[in-house]
């Protein structure tokens, strides 16, 4: 088992584990195969939602699961308009946005779905 195969191609987590024919990342839940890992990443957009749909700057998304935000919770189905994708992730978060009632914050692509 090579060390490279354990590293998640999406979030670079070193904790990938095999699950049948696929590898799974326990941190971002990304799944990949060894063949997929060797392909060029230029064809693959790094910003995809929970369903694998490509995201781009200015998109409107909805939150796919309840998220703790300090003492409050952002509920499933909350609409987030005009997202900004970050080329350099901030603490693993790759979306900058403003959520009504919560203010400016960062989200992960893995917890939103495109509207």
N, C-alpha and C. Protein backbone atom coordinates (compact mmCIF):
# COMPACT_ATOMS: atom_id res chain seq x y z
N UNK A 1 0.85 -1.17 0.00
CA UNK A 1 0.00 0.00 0.00
C UNK A 1 0.90 1.23 0.00
N UNK A 2 0.75 2.08 -1.04
CA UNK A 2 1.61 3.25 -1.12
C UNK A 2 1.06 4.38 -0.26
N UNK A 3 1.97 5.21 0.21
CA UNK A 3 1.58 6.35 1.05
C UNK A 3 0.74 7.34 0.25
N UNK A 4 1.04 7.47 -1.06
CA UNK A 4 0.30 8.40 -1.91
C UNK A 4 -1.17 8.02 -2.01
N UNK A 5 -1.49 6.73 -2.03
CA UNK A 5 -2.86 6.30 -2.18
C UNK A 5 -3.71 6.64 -0.96
N UNK A 6 -3.07 6.83 0.20
CA UNK A 6 -3.80 7.18 1.41
C UNK A 6 -4.15 8.67 1.48
N UNK A 7 -3.45 9.51 0.73
CA UNK A 7 -3.65 10.95 0.79
C UNK A 7 -4.83 11.35 -0.07
N UNK A 8 -5.78 12.06 0.52
CA UNK A 8 -6.98 12.50 -0.20
C UNK A 8 -6.60 13.53 -1.27
N UNK A 9 -7.03 13.32 -2.52
CA UNK A 9 -6.70 14.28 -3.57
C UNK A 9 -7.48 15.59 -3.45
N UNK A 10 -8.54 15.62 -2.66
CA UNK A 10 -9.35 16.83 -2.53
C UNK A 10 -8.85 17.72 -1.40
N UNK A 11 -8.67 17.15 -0.19
CA UNK A 11 -8.30 17.98 0.97
C UNK A 11 -6.90 17.68 1.49
N UNK A 12 -6.20 16.73 0.86
CA UNK A 12 -4.84 16.36 1.24
C UNK A 12 -4.74 15.72 2.62
N UNK A 13 -5.83 15.21 3.14
CA UNK A 13 -5.81 14.52 4.42
C UNK A 13 -5.02 13.23 4.29
N UNK A 14 -4.16 12.90 5.24
CA UNK A 14 -3.37 11.68 5.16
C UNK A 14 -4.10 10.44 5.69
N UNK A 15 -5.40 10.56 6.01
CA UNK A 15 -6.11 9.48 6.68
C UNK A 15 -7.04 8.68 5.78
N UNK A 16 -6.83 8.68 4.47
CA UNK A 16 -7.67 7.92 3.55
C UNK A 16 -7.60 6.44 3.86
N UNK A 17 -8.72 5.75 3.67
CA UNK A 17 -8.76 4.31 3.92
C UNK A 17 -9.50 3.61 2.80
N UNK A 18 -9.15 2.34 2.52
CA UNK A 18 -9.81 1.61 1.44
C UNK A 18 -11.19 1.12 1.86
N UNK A 19 -12.13 1.19 0.91
CA UNK A 19 -13.48 0.69 1.12
C UNK A 19 -13.90 0.00 -0.18
N UNK A 20 -13.64 -1.28 -0.26
CA UNK A 20 -13.88 -1.99 -1.50
C UNK A 20 -12.85 -1.57 -2.53
N UNK A 21 -13.34 -1.10 -3.70
CA UNK A 21 -12.43 -0.66 -4.75
C UNK A 21 -12.09 0.83 -4.65
N UNK A 22 -12.74 1.55 -3.74
CA UNK A 22 -12.50 2.98 -3.60
C UNK A 22 -11.75 3.31 -2.32
N UNK A 23 -11.14 4.49 -2.30
CA UNK A 23 -10.54 5.04 -1.10
C UNK A 23 -11.49 6.12 -0.60
N UNK A 24 -11.60 6.30 0.72
CA UNK A 24 -12.52 7.25 1.33
C UNK A 24 -11.74 8.14 2.30
N UNK A 25 -12.05 9.44 2.26
CA UNK A 25 -11.44 10.37 3.19
C UNK A 25 -12.41 10.58 4.36
N UNK A 26 -11.97 10.32 5.60
CA UNK A 26 -12.86 10.51 6.75
C UNK A 26 -13.09 11.98 7.11
N UNK A 27 -12.30 12.88 6.55
CA UNK A 27 -12.44 14.29 6.89
C UNK A 27 -13.39 15.04 5.95
N UNK A 28 -13.29 14.80 4.62
CA UNK A 28 -14.16 15.51 3.68
C UNK A 28 -15.12 14.57 2.96
N UNK A 29 -15.03 13.26 3.24
CA UNK A 29 -15.89 12.22 2.68
C UNK A 29 -15.74 12.05 1.17
N UNK A 30 -14.65 12.54 0.61
CA UNK A 30 -14.36 12.36 -0.81
C UNK A 30 -14.00 10.90 -1.07
N UNK A 31 -14.43 10.36 -2.21
CA UNK A 31 -14.09 9.00 -2.59
C UNK A 31 -13.31 9.04 -3.89
N UNK A 32 -12.29 8.19 -4.00
CA UNK A 32 -11.50 8.14 -5.22
C UNK A 32 -10.96 6.74 -5.43
N UNK A 33 -10.60 6.47 -6.69
CA UNK A 33 -9.96 5.19 -7.01
C UNK A 33 -8.49 5.49 -7.32
N UNK A 34 -7.66 4.49 -7.29
CA UNK A 34 -6.24 4.71 -7.57
C UNK A 34 -6.04 5.17 -9.00
N UNK A 35 -6.86 4.69 -9.94
CA UNK A 35 -6.77 5.11 -11.33
C UNK A 35 -7.13 6.59 -11.46
N UNK A 36 -8.14 7.01 -10.73
CA UNK A 36 -8.60 8.39 -10.75
C UNK A 36 -7.51 9.32 -10.20
N UNK A 37 -6.79 8.87 -9.22
CA UNK A 37 -5.74 9.67 -8.58
C UNK A 37 -4.61 9.97 -9.55
N UNK A 38 -4.32 9.05 -10.49
CA UNK A 38 -3.21 9.24 -11.41
C UNK A 38 -3.58 10.11 -12.60
N UNK A 39 -4.87 10.37 -12.84
CA UNK A 39 -5.29 11.22 -13.94
C UNK A 39 -4.93 12.66 -13.65
N UNK A 40 -4.91 13.47 -14.70
CA UNK A 40 -4.60 14.90 -14.55
C UNK A 40 -5.73 15.60 -13.81
N UNK A 41 -5.38 16.40 -12.82
CA UNK A 41 -6.38 17.13 -12.06
C UNK A 41 -6.87 18.37 -12.81
N UNK A 42 -6.27 18.69 -13.97
CA UNK A 42 -6.70 19.85 -14.73
C UNK A 42 -8.12 19.67 -15.24
N UNK A 43 -8.53 18.43 -15.54
CA UNK A 43 -9.86 18.15 -16.03
C UNK A 43 -10.88 18.20 -14.91
N UNK A 44 -10.46 18.01 -13.67
CA UNK A 44 -11.36 17.93 -12.52
C UNK A 44 -11.42 19.27 -11.82
N UNK A 45 -12.63 19.79 -11.65
CA UNK A 45 -12.77 21.04 -10.91
C UNK A 45 -12.70 20.73 -9.42
N UNK A 46 -11.91 21.47 -8.66
CA UNK A 46 -11.79 21.17 -7.24
C UNK A 46 -13.01 21.60 -6.43
N UNK A 47 -13.89 22.39 -7.04
CA UNK A 47 -15.04 22.90 -6.30
C UNK A 47 -16.31 22.20 -6.75
N UNK A 48 -16.70 21.16 -6.03
CA UNK A 48 -17.92 20.43 -6.34
C UNK A 48 -18.75 20.31 -5.06
N UNK A 49 -20.08 20.33 -5.22
CA UNK A 49 -20.95 20.25 -4.06
C UNK A 49 -21.10 18.81 -3.58
N UNK A 50 -21.98 18.60 -2.63
CA UNK A 50 -22.19 17.29 -2.02
C UNK A 50 -22.65 16.26 -3.05
N UNK A 51 -23.28 16.71 -4.15
CA UNK A 51 -23.75 15.81 -5.20
C UNK A 51 -22.78 15.69 -6.37
N UNK A 52 -21.63 16.35 -6.29
CA UNK A 52 -20.65 16.28 -7.36
C UNK A 52 -20.85 17.31 -8.46
N UNK A 53 -21.76 18.26 -8.27
CA UNK A 53 -22.02 19.31 -9.25
C UNK A 53 -20.99 20.42 -9.09
N UNK A 54 -20.41 20.87 -10.21
CA UNK A 54 -19.39 21.92 -10.17
C UNK A 54 -19.97 23.23 -9.66
N UNK A 55 -19.20 23.90 -8.80
CA UNK A 55 -19.58 25.20 -8.26
C UNK A 55 -18.71 26.28 -8.89
N UNK A 56 -19.25 27.50 -8.99
CA UNK A 56 -18.46 28.62 -9.48
C UNK A 56 -18.81 29.87 -8.68
N UNK A 57 -17.97 30.88 -8.78
CA UNK A 57 -18.19 32.13 -8.05
C UNK A 57 -19.55 32.72 -8.42
N UNK A 58 -20.27 33.22 -7.42
CA UNK A 58 -21.56 33.84 -7.65
C UNK A 58 -22.75 32.90 -7.59
N UNK A 59 -22.50 31.60 -7.47
CA UNK A 59 -23.60 30.63 -7.40
C UNK A 59 -24.42 30.80 -6.13
N UNK A 60 -25.65 30.30 -6.17
CA UNK A 60 -26.50 30.20 -5.00
C UNK A 60 -26.53 28.74 -4.59
N UNK A 61 -26.31 28.47 -3.32
CA UNK A 61 -26.29 27.10 -2.80
C UNK A 61 -27.21 27.01 -1.59
N UNK A 62 -27.54 25.77 -1.21
CA UNK A 62 -28.29 25.55 0.03
C UNK A 62 -27.45 24.65 0.92
N UNK A 63 -27.58 24.83 2.21
CA UNK A 63 -26.84 24.04 3.19
C UNK A 63 -27.46 22.64 3.23
N UNK A 64 -26.64 21.61 3.12
CA UNK A 64 -27.13 20.23 3.02
C UNK A 64 -27.31 19.54 4.37
N UNK A 65 -26.74 20.11 5.45
CA UNK A 65 -26.93 19.53 6.78
C UNK A 65 -26.79 20.63 7.82
N UNK A 66 -27.35 20.40 9.00
CA UNK A 66 -27.25 21.39 10.08
C UNK A 66 -25.79 21.63 10.44
N UNK A 67 -25.43 22.91 10.61
CA UNK A 67 -24.06 23.28 10.95
C UNK A 67 -24.05 24.13 12.21
N UNK A 68 -23.16 23.81 13.13
CA UNK A 68 -22.97 24.62 14.33
C UNK A 68 -22.17 25.85 13.95
N UNK A 69 -22.64 27.01 14.35
CA UNK A 69 -21.95 28.27 14.10
C UNK A 69 -21.94 29.05 15.41
N UNK A 70 -20.92 28.80 16.22
CA UNK A 70 -20.88 29.41 17.54
C UNK A 70 -21.97 28.82 18.41
N UNK A 71 -22.83 29.68 18.95
CA UNK A 71 -23.92 29.20 19.81
C UNK A 71 -25.20 28.93 19.02
N UNK A 72 -25.21 29.30 17.73
CA UNK A 72 -26.40 29.08 16.91
C UNK A 72 -26.16 27.94 15.91
N UNK A 73 -27.20 27.60 15.18
CA UNK A 73 -27.12 26.53 14.19
C UNK A 73 -27.65 27.03 12.85
N UNK A 74 -26.93 26.72 11.79
CA UNK A 74 -27.40 27.01 10.44
C UNK A 74 -28.16 25.76 9.99
N UNK A 75 -29.44 25.92 9.76
CA UNK A 75 -30.32 24.78 9.48
C UNK A 75 -30.17 24.28 8.04
N UNK A 76 -30.45 22.99 7.85
CA UNK A 76 -30.49 22.38 6.53
C UNK A 76 -31.48 23.15 5.67
N UNK A 77 -31.11 23.44 4.43
CA UNK A 77 -32.00 24.15 3.52
C UNK A 77 -31.81 25.65 3.50
N UNK A 78 -30.93 26.18 4.37
CA UNK A 78 -30.66 27.62 4.37
C UNK A 78 -30.02 28.00 3.04
N UNK A 79 -30.57 29.02 2.38
CA UNK A 79 -30.06 29.46 1.09
C UNK A 79 -28.91 30.44 1.29
N UNK A 80 -27.85 30.24 0.53
CA UNK A 80 -26.67 31.12 0.58
C UNK A 80 -26.44 31.64 -0.83
N UNK A 81 -26.54 32.95 -1.00
CA UNK A 81 -26.40 33.57 -2.32
C UNK A 81 -25.00 34.12 -2.53
N UNK A 82 -24.61 34.15 -3.80
CA UNK A 82 -23.39 34.83 -4.22
C UNK A 82 -22.14 34.33 -3.48
N UNK A 83 -21.86 33.03 -3.57
CA UNK A 83 -20.68 32.47 -2.90
C UNK A 83 -19.40 32.90 -3.61
N UNK A 84 -18.30 32.86 -2.88
CA UNK A 84 -16.98 33.14 -3.46
C UNK A 84 -16.08 31.95 -3.15
N UNK A 85 -15.55 31.33 -4.20
CA UNK A 85 -14.68 30.17 -4.03
C UNK A 85 -13.26 30.63 -3.75
N UNK A 86 -12.62 29.98 -2.80
CA UNK A 86 -11.28 30.38 -2.37
C UNK A 86 -10.23 29.45 -2.98
N UNK A 87 -9.27 30.02 -3.70
CA UNK A 87 -8.17 29.23 -4.26
C UNK A 87 -7.28 28.69 -3.15
N UNK A 88 -7.11 29.46 -2.09
CA UNK A 88 -6.35 29.04 -0.92
C UNK A 88 -7.34 28.80 0.22
N UNK A 89 -7.66 27.53 0.54
CA UNK A 89 -8.64 27.26 1.61
C UNK A 89 -8.22 27.85 2.95
N UNK A 90 -9.22 28.24 3.74
CA UNK A 90 -9.01 28.78 5.08
C UNK A 90 -9.44 27.70 6.07
N UNK A 91 -8.47 27.08 6.75
CA UNK A 91 -8.75 25.99 7.69
C UNK A 91 -9.61 24.89 7.08
N UNK A 92 -9.35 24.56 5.81
CA UNK A 92 -10.09 23.50 5.14
C UNK A 92 -11.40 23.94 4.52
N UNK A 93 -11.77 25.19 4.69
CA UNK A 93 -13.02 25.72 4.13
C UNK A 93 -12.71 26.39 2.80
N UNK A 94 -13.51 26.11 1.77
CA UNK A 94 -13.20 26.63 0.45
C UNK A 94 -14.25 27.58 -0.13
N UNK A 95 -15.23 27.97 0.67
CA UNK A 95 -16.25 28.93 0.24
C UNK A 95 -16.32 30.07 1.24
N UNK A 96 -16.29 31.30 0.75
CA UNK A 96 -16.54 32.48 1.58
C UNK A 96 -17.93 32.98 1.21
N UNK A 97 -18.73 33.31 2.22
CA UNK A 97 -20.10 33.73 1.95
C UNK A 97 -20.63 34.57 3.10
N UNK A 98 -21.81 35.12 2.88
CA UNK A 98 -22.51 35.86 3.92
C UNK A 98 -23.88 35.21 4.07
N UNK A 99 -24.22 34.81 5.30
CA UNK A 99 -25.49 34.14 5.57
C UNK A 99 -26.33 35.06 6.43
N UNK A 100 -27.56 35.33 5.95
CA UNK A 100 -28.47 36.20 6.71
C UNK A 100 -28.63 35.68 8.13
N UNK A 101 -28.47 36.57 9.09
CA UNK A 101 -28.62 36.22 10.50
C UNK A 101 -27.37 35.66 11.13
N UNK A 102 -26.35 35.34 10.32
CA UNK A 102 -25.11 34.76 10.84
C UNK A 102 -23.88 35.57 10.44
N UNK A 103 -23.99 36.36 9.37
CA UNK A 103 -22.87 37.19 8.92
C UNK A 103 -21.91 36.46 8.00
N UNK A 104 -20.71 37.02 7.90
CA UNK A 104 -19.66 36.48 7.03
C UNK A 104 -19.09 35.20 7.63
N UNK A 105 -18.93 34.16 6.78
CA UNK A 105 -18.33 32.91 7.27
C UNK A 105 -17.78 32.10 6.12
N UNK A 106 -17.11 31.02 6.47
CA UNK A 106 -16.53 30.09 5.51
C UNK A 106 -17.27 28.76 5.61
N UNK A 107 -17.47 28.11 4.46
CA UNK A 107 -18.10 26.80 4.40
C UNK A 107 -17.24 25.86 3.58
N UNK A 108 -17.52 24.57 3.69
CA UNK A 108 -16.87 23.57 2.86
C UNK A 108 -17.83 23.19 1.73
N UNK A 109 -17.27 22.91 0.57
CA UNK A 109 -18.09 22.48 -0.56
C UNK A 109 -18.88 21.21 -0.23
N UNK A 110 -18.34 20.39 0.66
CA UNK A 110 -18.96 19.11 0.99
C UNK A 110 -20.23 19.24 1.83
N UNK A 111 -20.60 20.44 2.27
CA UNK A 111 -21.81 20.62 3.07
C UNK A 111 -22.86 21.48 2.38
N UNK A 112 -22.66 21.77 1.09
CA UNK A 112 -23.65 22.57 0.35
C UNK A 112 -24.05 21.85 -0.94
N UNK A 113 -25.21 22.23 -1.46
CA UNK A 113 -25.61 21.74 -2.78
C UNK A 113 -26.08 22.92 -3.61
N UNK A 114 -25.77 22.86 -4.90
CA UNK A 114 -26.09 23.95 -5.80
C UNK A 114 -27.60 24.06 -5.97
N UNK A 115 -28.11 25.29 -5.97
CA UNK A 115 -29.56 25.52 -6.13
C UNK A 115 -29.91 25.71 -7.58
